[in-house]
Amino acid sequence: MHTPKVSIIIPFKNTAHFLPECLDSIIDQTYTAWEVLAVNDHSTDKSFELLSTYSNKDNRIKVFNNKGSGIIPALQTGYSHSGGSFVTRMDSDDIMKPERLEVMINTLIENGTGHISVGQVQYFSNRGISNGYERYEQWLNRLTSRGNNFDEIYKECVIPSPCWMAYREDFEKSGGFQPNRYPEDYDLTFRFYEQGLKIIPCDQILHLWRDYDTRTSRTHEHYAQNYFLDIKLHYFLKLNYKTSRPLVIWGAGFKGKKIAKGLINKGLEFIWLCDNPKKIGKSIYGVELVHFEALQDLDNPQSIITVANEAAQKEIRVYFSKLGQSPMEDYFFFC
């Protein structure tokens, strides 16, 4: 019986200290039909030499140099050499749980094409995990346990970049690693959503996600907040916005101003709501802020919520519910 192969794409740069744990966790997988396509993104430490040593010992591990510079060209380089029926990513500083590949492939085979397999994640660090990462982990795992990740896609990236798996045909239908848009993992998540792929629920921790000061998501400009907001607005206007409906922004903090400026640059009109008495009646970018109760006088509006406070978000949800409006159709939380 044919055992399908999974291609594991691993970009790496100066992670020699973590690579042995990462590679050993792959070698120790209960599912053995895999190939690693590891791509060196101009490392200046011993990462390339270390990976070459592993490659010489295990021919399932292949090492290449990045044809460009950065994670996206590295992913493209790795994928161009891949041949598996299934595709997944792995970060060179993380650890797979031993059953990760087996669980993900089995769920995909059981459910067929048109699905994405994901796993729950657990952050770890030698200094402890911050409250922000702990809350993100809990939120992400709650969504994954139900498979309703896309219900909150405009808040944060709802698929962990190193813990998903897809059929090759679904991955390519979604554009693969081709679009040159950062953060690349969030962009890919939106493209999975755009293609109507379904998330398979998972109640197991399959991936250990390492946190440390110099990890790329902490240090590189491509993972700054403004890049996330640009992607959210891009896909909202493409996938969910109905041009026949009034457009609303709720909130006038940093995120609200960023979204407002983006809409203005695109020539789109909007109503700007606020619940801060000090800001109501004032104008920002030539748009007057009005009291949030003006929402009930609008004809079938769509609202972007940029209020970050969790208690305020709960009140806003109750308010929309009283108006008979639904999430991901009438209102969208962008934070």
Protein backbone atom coordinates (compact mmCIF):
# COMPACT_ATOMS: atom_id res chain seq x y z
CA MET A 1 0.00 0.00 0.00
CA HIS A 2 1.33 3.45 -0.98
CA THR A 3 2.25 5.66 1.97
CA PRO A 4 1.82 9.33 1.02
CA LYS A 5 4.74 11.65 1.66
CA VAL A 6 4.60 14.98 3.43
CA SER A 7 6.93 17.82 2.48
CA ILE A 8 8.16 19.86 5.44
CA ILE A 9 9.48 23.30 4.44
CA ILE A 10 11.92 24.81 6.95
CA PRO A 11 13.50 28.24 6.39
CA PHE A 12 16.38 28.84 8.80
CA LYS A 13 18.74 31.65 9.72
CA ASN A 14 21.20 31.60 12.61
CA THR A 15 19.31 29.02 14.65
CA ALA A 16 22.16 26.54 15.16
CA HIS A 17 21.51 26.54 18.90
CA PHE A 18 17.95 25.22 18.38
CA LEU A 19 18.23 23.12 15.23
CA PRO A 20 19.20 19.79 16.85
CA GLU A 21 16.01 19.73 18.96
CA CYS A 22 13.94 20.71 15.92
CA LEU A 23 15.44 18.10 13.59
CA ASP A 24 15.47 15.34 16.20
CA SER A 25 11.76 15.93 16.81
CA ILE A 26 11.13 15.35 13.09
CA ILE A 27 13.31 12.27 12.92
CA ASP A 28 11.42 10.86 15.92
CA GLN A 29 7.99 11.24 14.27
CA THR A 30 5.75 8.20 14.38
CA TYR A 31 4.96 8.89 10.73
CA THR A 32 8.13 8.30 8.70
CA ALA A 33 7.19 9.13 5.08
CA TRP A 34 8.41 12.70 5.09
CA GLU A 35 11.00 14.91 3.45
CA VAL A 36 12.56 18.04 4.90
CA LEU A 37 13.36 20.89 2.52
CA ALA A 38 15.52 23.15 4.68
CA VAL A 39 16.56 26.50 3.21
CA ASN A 40 19.46 28.54 4.53
CA ASP A 41 18.55 32.24 4.56
CA HIS A 42 22.13 33.57 4.63
CA SER A 43 23.08 32.28 8.07
CA THR A 44 26.31 33.54 9.61
CA ASP A 45 26.52 30.89 12.34
CA LYS A 46 26.96 27.11 12.01
CA SER A 47 23.34 26.42 10.99
CA PHE A 48 24.14 25.34 7.43
CA GLU A 49 26.96 23.04 8.52
CA LEU A 50 24.81 21.48 11.22
CA LEU A 51 21.94 20.82 8.84
CA SER A 52 24.33 19.41 6.26
CA THR A 53 25.55 16.94 8.85
CA TYR A 54 21.97 15.79 9.46
CA SER A 55 21.40 15.57 5.70
CA ASN A 56 24.42 13.33 5.26
CA LYS A 57 23.03 10.95 7.87
CA ASP A 58 19.38 10.96 6.69
CA ASN A 59 18.61 11.33 2.99
CA ARG A 60 15.09 12.52 3.79
CA ILE A 61 16.66 15.83 4.84
CA LYS A 62 17.70 18.12 1.99
CA VAL A 63 19.44 21.47 2.39
CA PHE A 64 19.43 24.43 -0.01
CA ASN A 65 20.55 28.04 -0.03
CA ASN A 66 17.93 30.75 -0.37
CA LYS A 67 17.67 32.05 -3.91
CA GLY A 68 16.59 35.41 -2.54
CA SER A 69 16.57 37.00 0.90
CA GLY A 70 13.93 36.58 3.59
CA ILE A 71 11.37 34.00 4.65
CA ILE A 72 9.12 34.16 1.58
CA PRO A 73 11.91 33.50 -0.98
CA ALA A 74 13.21 30.76 1.34
CA LEU A 75 9.79 29.12 1.44
CA GLN A 76 9.51 29.40 -2.33
CA THR A 77 12.96 27.85 -2.76
CA GLY A 78 12.12 24.93 -0.47
CA TYR A 79 8.75 24.28 -2.06
CA SER A 80 10.26 24.24 -5.57
CA HIS A 81 12.21 21.11 -4.54
CA SER A 82 9.31 19.37 -2.78
CA GLY A 83 7.36 16.37 -4.02
CA GLY A 84 5.03 15.31 -1.22
CA SER A 85 1.29 14.78 -1.52
CA PHE A 86 0.93 16.89 1.65
CA VAL A 87 2.60 20.19 2.57
CA THR A 88 3.46 21.68 5.94
CA ARG A 89 5.81 24.26 7.45
CA MET A 90 8.13 24.05 10.40
CA ASP A 91 10.12 26.70 12.25
CA SER A 92 13.76 25.83 12.82
CA ASP A 93 13.62 26.80 16.48
CA ASP A 94 10.50 24.79 17.40
CA ILE A 95 9.72 21.18 18.36
CA MET A 96 7.17 18.75 16.94
CA LYS A 97 5.35 16.41 19.27
CA PRO A 98 6.12 12.81 18.13
CA GLU A 99 2.63 12.14 16.74
CA ARG A 100 2.16 15.48 14.95
CA LEU A 101 2.60 14.31 11.34
CA GLU A 102 0.62 11.10 11.87
CA VAL A 103 -2.34 12.88 13.44
CA MET A 104 -2.46 15.55 10.76
CA ILE A 105 -2.15 13.20 7.79
CA ASN A 106 -4.75 10.81 9.19
CA THR A 107 -7.28 13.61 9.69
CA LEU A 108 -6.67 14.91 6.17
CA ILE A 109 -7.08 11.46 4.62
CA GLU A 110 -10.25 10.92 6.66
CA ASN A 111 -11.77 14.27 5.61
CA GLY A 112 -10.39 14.56 2.07
CA THR A 113 -9.42 17.56 0.01
CA GLY A 114 -10.91 20.93 0.85
CA HIS A 115 -9.66 20.73 4.43
CA ILE A 116 -6.78 22.11 6.51
CA SER A 117 -5.38 20.12 9.41
CA VAL A 118 -4.16 22.15 12.38
CA GLY A 119 -2.94 21.28 15.85
CA GLN A 120 -2.97 22.94 19.22
CA VAL A 121 0.23 24.68 20.27
CA GLN A 122 2.12 25.31 23.48
CA TYR A 123 4.58 28.14 23.97
CA PHE A 124 7.76 27.46 25.91
CA SER A 125 10.69 29.60 26.98
CA ASN A 126 13.58 29.45 29.41
CA ARG A 127 12.33 32.67 31.00
CA GLY A 128 8.60 31.95 31.15
CA ILE A 129 5.77 33.02 28.86
CA SER A 130 4.30 36.52 28.89
CA ASN A 131 0.62 37.05 29.62
CA GLY A 132 0.07 38.20 26.04
CA TYR A 133 1.44 34.98 24.53
CA GLU A 134 -0.41 32.90 27.10
CA ARG A 135 -3.72 34.53 26.16
CA TYR A 136 -2.96 34.12 22.44
CA GLU A 137 -2.18 30.42 22.98
CA GLN A 138 -5.43 29.87 24.87
CA TRP A 139 -7.47 31.77 22.28
CA LEU A 140 -5.86 29.90 19.37
CA ASN A 141 -6.29 26.48 20.98
CA ARG A 142 -9.93 27.22 21.83
CA LEU A 143 -10.63 27.97 18.17
CA THR A 144 -8.66 24.91 17.02
CA SER A 145 -10.53 22.59 19.37
CA ARG A 146 -13.77 23.56 17.63
CA GLY A 147 -12.41 24.07 14.12
CA ASN A 148 -14.02 27.51 13.92
CA ASN A 149 -10.73 29.38 13.49
CA PHE A 150 -11.96 31.47 10.58
CA ASP A 151 -14.74 32.96 12.71
CA GLU A 152 -12.18 35.32 14.26
CA ILE A 153 -9.72 35.67 11.40
CA TYR A 154 -9.67 39.47 11.49
CA LYS A 155 -8.50 39.56 15.13
CA GLU A 156 -5.18 37.69 14.80
CA CYS A 157 -3.62 34.94 12.71
CA VAL A 158 -5.89 31.96 13.47
CA ILE A 159 -3.59 29.26 12.07
CA PRO A 160 -0.16 28.82 13.69
CA SER A 161 2.45 29.18 10.92
CA PRO A 162 4.42 26.04 11.88
CA CYS A 163 1.45 23.78 12.67
CA TRP A 164 -0.83 23.27 9.69
CA MET A 165 -0.96 20.71 6.88
CA ALA A 166 -2.77 20.68 3.55
CA TYR A 167 -3.19 18.56 0.46
CA ARG A 168 -0.74 19.79 -2.16
CA GLU A 169 -3.57 20.62 -4.57
CA ASP A 170 -5.39 22.72 -1.96
CA PHE A 171 -2.17 24.49 -1.04
CA GLU A 172 -1.44 25.37 -4.66
CA LYS A 173 -5.06 26.37 -5.28
CA SER A 174 -4.60 28.85 -2.43
CA GLY A 175 -1.54 30.39 -4.06
CA GLY A 176 1.10 28.51 -2.09
CA PHE A 177 4.07 30.62 -1.02
CA GLN A 178 3.89 32.85 -4.11
CA PRO A 179 2.36 36.13 -2.89
CA ASN A 180 5.06 38.48 -1.63
CA ARG A 181 3.02 39.83 1.27
CA TYR A 182 4.07 39.88 4.93
CA PRO A 183 3.29 38.57 7.48
CA GLU A 184 3.34 35.59 5.13
CA ASP A 185 1.63 33.18 7.55
CA TYR A 186 -1.33 35.51 8.06
CA ASP A 187 -1.62 36.11 4.33
CA LEU A 188 -1.68 32.35 3.66
CA THR A 189 -4.35 31.91 6.34
CA PHE A 190 -6.55 34.46 4.57
CA ARG A 191 -6.03 32.64 1.27
CA PHE A 192 -7.10 29.35 2.85
CA TYR A 193 -10.19 31.21 4.08
CA GLU A 194 -10.76 32.73 0.63
CA GLN A 195 -10.73 29.27 -0.97
CA GLY A 196 -13.37 28.02 1.45
CA LEU A 197 -11.13 25.35 2.99
CA LYS A 198 -12.48 23.87 6.21
CA ILE A 199 -10.53 23.57 9.45
CA ILE A 200 -10.46 20.09 11.01
CA PRO A 201 -10.95 20.40 14.80
CA CYS A 202 -8.08 19.13 16.96
CA ASP A 203 -7.93 18.68 20.73
CA GLN A 204 -4.23 17.68 20.92
CA ILE A 205 -1.11 19.77 21.46
CA LEU A 206 1.02 18.88 18.44
CA HIS A 207 3.56 21.67 18.37
CA LEU A 208 5.87 23.33 20.89
CA TRP A 209 6.40 26.98 19.97
CA ARG A 210 9.60 28.52 21.29
CA ASP A 211 9.68 32.14 22.44
CA TYR A 212 12.88 34.16 22.85
CA ASP A 213 14.00 37.75 22.37
CA THR A 214 15.52 37.39 18.89
CA ARG A 215 12.81 35.31 17.21
CA THR A 216 11.81 36.78 13.85
CA SER A 217 8.25 37.63 14.81
CA ARG A 218 9.60 39.83 17.61
CA THR A 219 12.37 41.61 15.73
CA HIS A 220 11.57 41.93 12.02
CA GLU A 221 9.66 44.95 10.69
CA HIS A 222 7.47 42.66 8.56
CA TYR A 223 5.70 41.53 11.74
CA ALA A 224 4.92 45.01 13.06
CA GLN A 225 1.31 45.90 13.82
CA ASN A 226 0.87 48.06 10.70
CA TYR A 227 1.58 45.08 8.42
CA PHE A 228 -1.13 43.04 10.16
CA LEU A 229 -3.63 45.88 9.77
CA ASP A 230 -2.81 46.26 6.08
CA ILE A 231 -3.52 42.56 5.48
CA LYS A 232 -6.77 42.67 7.46
CA LEU A 233 -8.07 45.64 5.50
CA HIS A 234 -6.92 44.18 2.16
CA TYR A 235 -8.82 40.92 2.65
CA PHE A 236 -11.84 42.50 4.30
CA LEU A 237 -12.39 44.73 1.28
CA LYS A 238 -11.78 41.79 -1.04
CA LEU A 239 -13.79 39.08 0.71
CA ASN A 240 -16.38 40.46 3.12
CA TYR A 241 -17.13 44.09 2.33
CA LYS A 242 -20.37 44.78 0.48
CA THR A 243 -20.08 48.02 -1.47
CA SER A 244 -23.84 48.61 -1.26
CA ARG A 245 -23.72 48.84 2.54
CA PRO A 246 -22.58 51.80 4.70
CA LEU A 247 -19.09 51.22 6.10
CA VAL A 248 -18.36 51.99 9.75
CA ILE A 249 -15.23 52.20 11.91
CA TRP A 250 -15.68 51.90 15.67
CA GLY A 251 -12.69 53.22 17.64
CA ALA A 252 -10.22 56.04 17.17
CA GLY A 253 -7.01 54.71 18.70
CA PHE A 254 -3.90 53.71 16.72
CA LYS A 255 -5.66 50.88 14.90
CA GLY A 256 -8.77 52.89 14.15
CA LYS A 257 -6.69 55.72 12.70
CA LYS A 258 -4.63 53.28 10.62
CA ILE A 259 -7.77 51.68 9.16
CA ALA A 260 -9.35 55.11 8.56
CA LYS A 261 -6.28 56.31 6.69
CA GLY A 262 -6.29 53.13 4.61
CA LEU A 263 -9.92 53.67 3.61
CA ILE A 264 -9.31 57.32 2.81
CA ASN A 265 -6.36 56.39 0.61
CA LYS A 266 -8.67 54.04 -1.31
CA GLY A 267 -11.30 56.74 -1.71
CA LEU A 268 -13.85 54.89 0.44
CA GLU A 269 -16.34 56.78 2.59
CA PHE A 270 -17.14 55.64 6.13
CA ILE A 271 -18.86 56.65 9.33
CA TRP A 272 -16.52 56.92 12.30
CA LEU A 273 -18.02 55.89 15.65
CA CYS A 274 -16.58 56.52 19.08
CA ASP A 275 -17.58 55.97 22.69
CA ASN A 276 -15.01 58.41 24.12
CA PRO A 277 -16.78 61.67 25.11
CA LYS A 278 -13.50 63.60 24.65
CA LYS A 279 -13.29 62.60 20.98
CA ILE A 280 -16.95 62.71 19.90
CA GLY A 281 -17.57 65.74 17.68
CA LYS A 282 -13.91 66.14 16.78
CA SER A 283 -12.52 65.54 13.29
CA ILE A 284 -9.61 63.28 12.36
CA TYR A 285 -8.39 63.24 8.75
CA GLY A 286 -11.40 65.40 7.93
CA VAL A 287 -13.92 62.88 9.29
CA GLU A 288 -16.06 63.81 12.30
CA LEU A 289 -16.34 61.23 15.08
CA VAL A 290 -19.94 60.55 16.14
CA HIS A 291 -21.52 58.74 19.09
CA PHE A 292 -21.78 54.97 18.61
CA GLU A 293 -25.58 55.09 18.94
CA ALA A 294 -25.64 56.62 15.44
CA LEU A 295 -25.14 53.03 14.28
CA GLN A 296 -28.80 52.17 14.85
CA ASP A 297 -29.91 54.86 12.38
CA LEU A 298 -27.83 53.43 9.53
CA ASP A 299 -29.36 51.19 6.87
CA ASN A 300 -27.71 47.76 7.03
CA PRO A 301 -24.15 48.85 7.89
CA GLN A 302 -20.94 46.82 8.08
CA SER A 303 -18.68 47.72 10.99
CA ILE A 304 -14.95 47.33 11.62
CA ILE A 305 -14.27 47.26 15.36
CA THR A 306 -10.83 48.50 16.44
CA VAL A 307 -11.48 48.69 20.20
CA ALA A 308 -8.87 46.51 21.95
CA ASN A 309 -10.20 46.50 25.51
CA GLU A 310 -11.71 43.06 26.17
CA ALA A 311 -14.40 44.30 28.55
CA ALA A 312 -15.44 46.94 26.02
CA GLN A 313 -15.49 44.27 23.28
CA LYS A 314 -17.99 42.23 25.28
CA GLU A 315 -20.24 45.28 25.65
CA ILE A 316 -19.95 45.98 21.93
CA ARG A 317 -20.95 42.40 21.10
CA VAL A 318 -24.04 42.74 23.31
CA TYR A 319 -24.90 46.01 21.60
CA PHE A 320 -24.69 44.46 18.13
CA SER A 321 -26.74 41.49 19.30
CA LYS A 322 -29.51 43.82 20.48
CA LEU A 323 -29.47 45.40 17.02
CA GLY A 324 -29.86 41.95 15.46
CA GLN A 325 -26.45 42.13 13.79
CA SER A 326 -24.14 39.12 13.35
CA PRO A 327 -20.35 38.66 13.55
CA MET A 328 -18.44 38.08 10.28
CA GLU A 329 -21.42 39.42 8.35
CA ASP A 330 -22.37 42.74 9.94
CA TYR A 331 -19.41 43.45 12.24
CA PHE A 332 -15.75 42.41 12.29
CA PHE A 333 -13.31 42.67 15.19
CA PHE A 334 -9.90 43.84 13.95
CA CYS A 335 -8.27 43.41 17.37
